[in-house]
């Protein structure tokens, strides 16, 4: 498990949530979509780290 990678993913997720909320408040669909995309990217990064953890458990 790479704590650094998980922290980066969490930061991207938070940034995406904020961007989506700003888009909601301003009625900017582009900001909403970009925020949602960042949240999806963060989820993928977390999933990759989960897979790495499981592989490491199997190999150890």
N, C-alpha and C. Protein backbone atom coordinates (compact mmCIF):
# COMPACT_ATOMS: atom_id res chain seq x y z
N UNK A 1 0.84 -1.17 0.00
CA UNK A 1 0.00 0.00 0.00
C UNK A 1 0.89 1.23 0.00
N UNK A 2 0.63 2.08 -0.93
CA UNK A 2 1.37 3.32 -0.99
C UNK A 2 0.50 4.44 -0.40
N UNK A 3 0.88 4.84 0.79
CA UNK A 3 0.13 5.89 1.47
C UNK A 3 0.15 7.17 0.64
N UNK A 4 1.28 7.45 0.03
CA UNK A 4 1.41 8.65 -0.80
C UNK A 4 0.39 8.63 -1.95
N UNK A 5 0.25 7.49 -2.61
CA UNK A 5 -0.69 7.38 -3.73
C UNK A 5 -2.13 7.51 -3.24
N UNK A 6 -2.42 6.94 -2.08
CA UNK A 6 -3.77 7.05 -1.53
C UNK A 6 -4.09 8.50 -1.15
N UNK A 7 -3.10 9.21 -0.63
CA UNK A 7 -3.31 10.62 -0.29
C UNK A 7 -3.54 11.45 -1.54
N UNK A 8 -2.80 11.17 -2.59
CA UNK A 8 -3.01 11.87 -3.86
C UNK A 8 -4.42 11.62 -4.38
N UNK A 9 -4.85 10.37 -4.32
CA UNK A 9 -6.20 10.03 -4.79
C UNK A 9 -7.26 10.73 -3.96
N UNK A 10 -7.06 10.80 -2.67
CA UNK A 10 -8.01 11.48 -1.80
C UNK A 10 -8.05 12.98 -2.12
N UNK A 11 -6.90 13.57 -2.37
CA UNK A 11 -6.86 14.98 -2.73
C UNK A 11 -7.59 15.24 -4.04
N UNK A 12 -7.41 14.37 -5.01
CA UNK A 12 -8.10 14.51 -6.29
C UNK A 12 -9.61 14.38 -6.08
N UNK A 13 -10.02 13.45 -5.23
CA UNK A 13 -11.43 13.26 -4.95
C UNK A 13 -12.03 14.52 -4.32
N UNK A 14 -11.35 15.07 -3.35
CA UNK A 14 -11.85 16.29 -2.68
C UNK A 14 -11.93 17.44 -3.68
N UNK A 15 -10.89 17.58 -4.50
CA UNK A 15 -10.89 18.63 -5.52
C UNK A 15 -12.08 18.46 -6.47
N UNK A 16 -12.35 17.21 -6.84
CA UNK A 16 -13.47 16.92 -7.73
C UNK A 16 -14.80 17.25 -7.09
N UNK A 17 -14.96 16.92 -5.82
CA UNK A 17 -16.20 17.23 -5.11
C UNK A 17 -16.43 18.73 -5.04
N UNK A 18 -15.37 19.47 -4.76
CA UNK A 18 -15.48 20.93 -4.69
C UNK A 18 -15.83 21.49 -6.07
N UNK A 19 -15.14 21.02 -7.08
CA UNK A 19 -15.39 21.51 -8.43
C UNK A 19 -16.82 21.21 -8.86
N UNK A 20 -17.30 20.02 -8.55
CA UNK A 20 -18.67 19.67 -8.90
C UNK A 20 -19.67 20.57 -8.16
N UNK A 21 -19.41 20.81 -6.87
CA UNK A 21 -20.30 21.67 -6.08
C UNK A 21 -20.32 23.09 -6.62
N UNK A 22 -19.16 23.62 -7.00
CA UNK A 22 -19.10 24.96 -7.59
C UNK A 22 -19.90 24.97 -8.90
N UNK A 23 -19.74 23.93 -9.68
CA UNK A 23 -20.51 23.83 -10.92
C UNK A 23 -22.00 23.80 -10.66
N UNK A 24 -22.41 23.09 -9.61
CA UNK A 24 -23.82 23.05 -9.24
C UNK A 24 -24.32 24.45 -8.86
N UNK A 25 -23.52 25.14 -8.06
CA UNK A 25 -23.92 26.47 -7.59
C UNK A 25 -23.98 27.50 -8.71
N UNK A 26 -23.04 27.40 -9.63
CA UNK A 26 -22.97 28.39 -10.71
C UNK A 26 -23.74 27.96 -11.95
N UNK A 27 -24.20 26.74 -11.97
CA UNK A 27 -24.92 26.24 -13.14
C UNK A 27 -23.99 25.94 -14.31
N UNK A 28 -22.74 25.64 -14.01
CA UNK A 28 -21.74 25.37 -15.04
C UNK A 28 -21.61 23.86 -15.26
N UNK A 29 -22.22 23.33 -16.31
CA UNK A 29 -22.17 21.88 -16.52
C UNK A 29 -20.76 21.36 -16.79
N UNK A 30 -19.90 22.19 -17.38
CA UNK A 30 -18.53 21.75 -17.64
C UNK A 30 -17.79 21.50 -16.33
N UNK A 31 -17.94 22.41 -15.37
CA UNK A 31 -17.29 22.24 -14.07
C UNK A 31 -17.85 21.01 -13.35
N UNK A 32 -19.16 20.81 -13.47
CA UNK A 32 -19.78 19.64 -12.84
C UNK A 32 -19.17 18.35 -13.41
N UNK A 33 -19.09 18.30 -14.72
CA UNK A 33 -18.57 17.10 -15.39
C UNK A 33 -17.10 16.87 -15.06
N UNK A 34 -16.32 17.94 -15.05
CA UNK A 34 -14.90 17.81 -14.71
C UNK A 34 -14.73 17.34 -13.27
N UNK A 35 -15.56 17.84 -12.38
CA UNK A 35 -15.51 17.41 -10.98
C UNK A 35 -15.85 15.93 -10.84
N UNK A 36 -16.86 15.51 -11.57
CA UNK A 36 -17.24 14.09 -11.53
C UNK A 36 -16.13 13.21 -12.11
N UNK A 37 -15.48 13.69 -13.15
CA UNK A 37 -14.38 12.93 -13.75
C UNK A 37 -13.22 12.77 -12.78
N UNK A 38 -12.92 13.84 -12.04
CA UNK A 38 -11.84 13.76 -11.04
C UNK A 38 -12.20 12.76 -9.95
N UNK A 39 -13.46 12.73 -9.56
CA UNK A 39 -13.88 11.78 -8.53
C UNK A 39 -13.75 10.35 -9.05
N UNK A 40 -14.09 10.14 -10.31
CA UNK A 40 -13.96 8.81 -10.90
C UNK A 40 -12.48 8.40 -10.98
N UNK A 41 -11.63 9.35 -11.35
CA UNK A 41 -10.19 9.08 -11.40
C UNK A 41 -9.67 8.67 -10.02
N UNK A 42 -10.12 9.38 -9.00
CA UNK A 42 -9.70 9.06 -7.64
C UNK A 42 -10.13 7.66 -7.25
N UNK A 43 -11.35 7.28 -7.63
CA UNK A 43 -11.85 5.94 -7.31
C UNK A 43 -11.00 4.88 -8.00
N UNK A 44 -10.62 5.13 -9.23
CA UNK A 44 -9.77 4.18 -9.97
C UNK A 44 -8.42 4.05 -9.27
N UNK A 45 -7.86 5.18 -8.85
CA UNK A 45 -6.56 5.14 -8.16
C UNK A 45 -6.65 4.34 -6.86
N UNK A 46 -7.75 4.53 -6.12
CA UNK A 46 -7.93 3.76 -4.88
C UNK A 46 -8.06 2.26 -5.19
N UNK A 47 -8.77 1.94 -6.25
CA UNK A 47 -8.94 0.54 -6.64
C UNK A 47 -7.60 -0.08 -7.02
N UNK A 48 -6.78 0.66 -7.75
CA UNK A 48 -5.44 0.17 -8.12
C UNK A 48 -4.63 -0.13 -6.87
N UNK A 49 -4.69 0.76 -5.89
CA UNK A 49 -3.95 0.53 -4.65
C UNK A 49 -4.49 -0.68 -3.91
N UNK A 50 -5.82 -0.89 -3.94
CA UNK A 50 -6.41 -2.07 -3.31
C UNK A 50 -5.90 -3.35 -3.97
N UNK A 51 -5.83 -3.34 -5.29
CA UNK A 51 -5.34 -4.51 -6.03
C UNK A 51 -3.87 -4.76 -5.68
N UNK A 52 -3.08 -3.70 -5.62
CA UNK A 52 -1.68 -3.85 -5.25
C UNK A 52 -1.56 -4.50 -3.86
N UNK A 53 -2.39 -4.05 -2.94
CA UNK A 53 -2.36 -4.61 -1.58
C UNK A 53 -2.68 -6.10 -1.59
N UNK A 54 -3.70 -6.48 -2.37
CA UNK A 54 -4.09 -7.89 -2.43
C UNK A 54 -3.00 -8.75 -3.06
N UNK A 55 -2.38 -8.24 -4.12
CA UNK A 55 -1.29 -8.98 -4.77
C UNK A 55 -0.13 -9.15 -3.80
N UNK A 56 0.18 -8.10 -3.07
CA UNK A 56 1.27 -8.18 -2.10
C UNK A 56 0.98 -9.23 -1.03
N UNK A 57 -0.27 -9.28 -0.57
CA UNK A 57 -0.65 -10.29 0.43
C UNK A 57 -0.45 -11.70 -0.11
N UNK A 58 -0.82 -11.88 -1.36
CA UNK A 58 -0.70 -13.21 -1.97
C UNK A 58 0.77 -13.60 -2.12
N UNK A 59 1.60 -12.64 -2.51
CA UNK A 59 3.01 -12.94 -2.75
C UNK A 59 3.82 -13.07 -1.47
N UNK A 60 3.35 -12.50 -0.39
CA UNK A 60 4.10 -12.57 0.86
C UNK A 60 3.84 -13.83 1.62
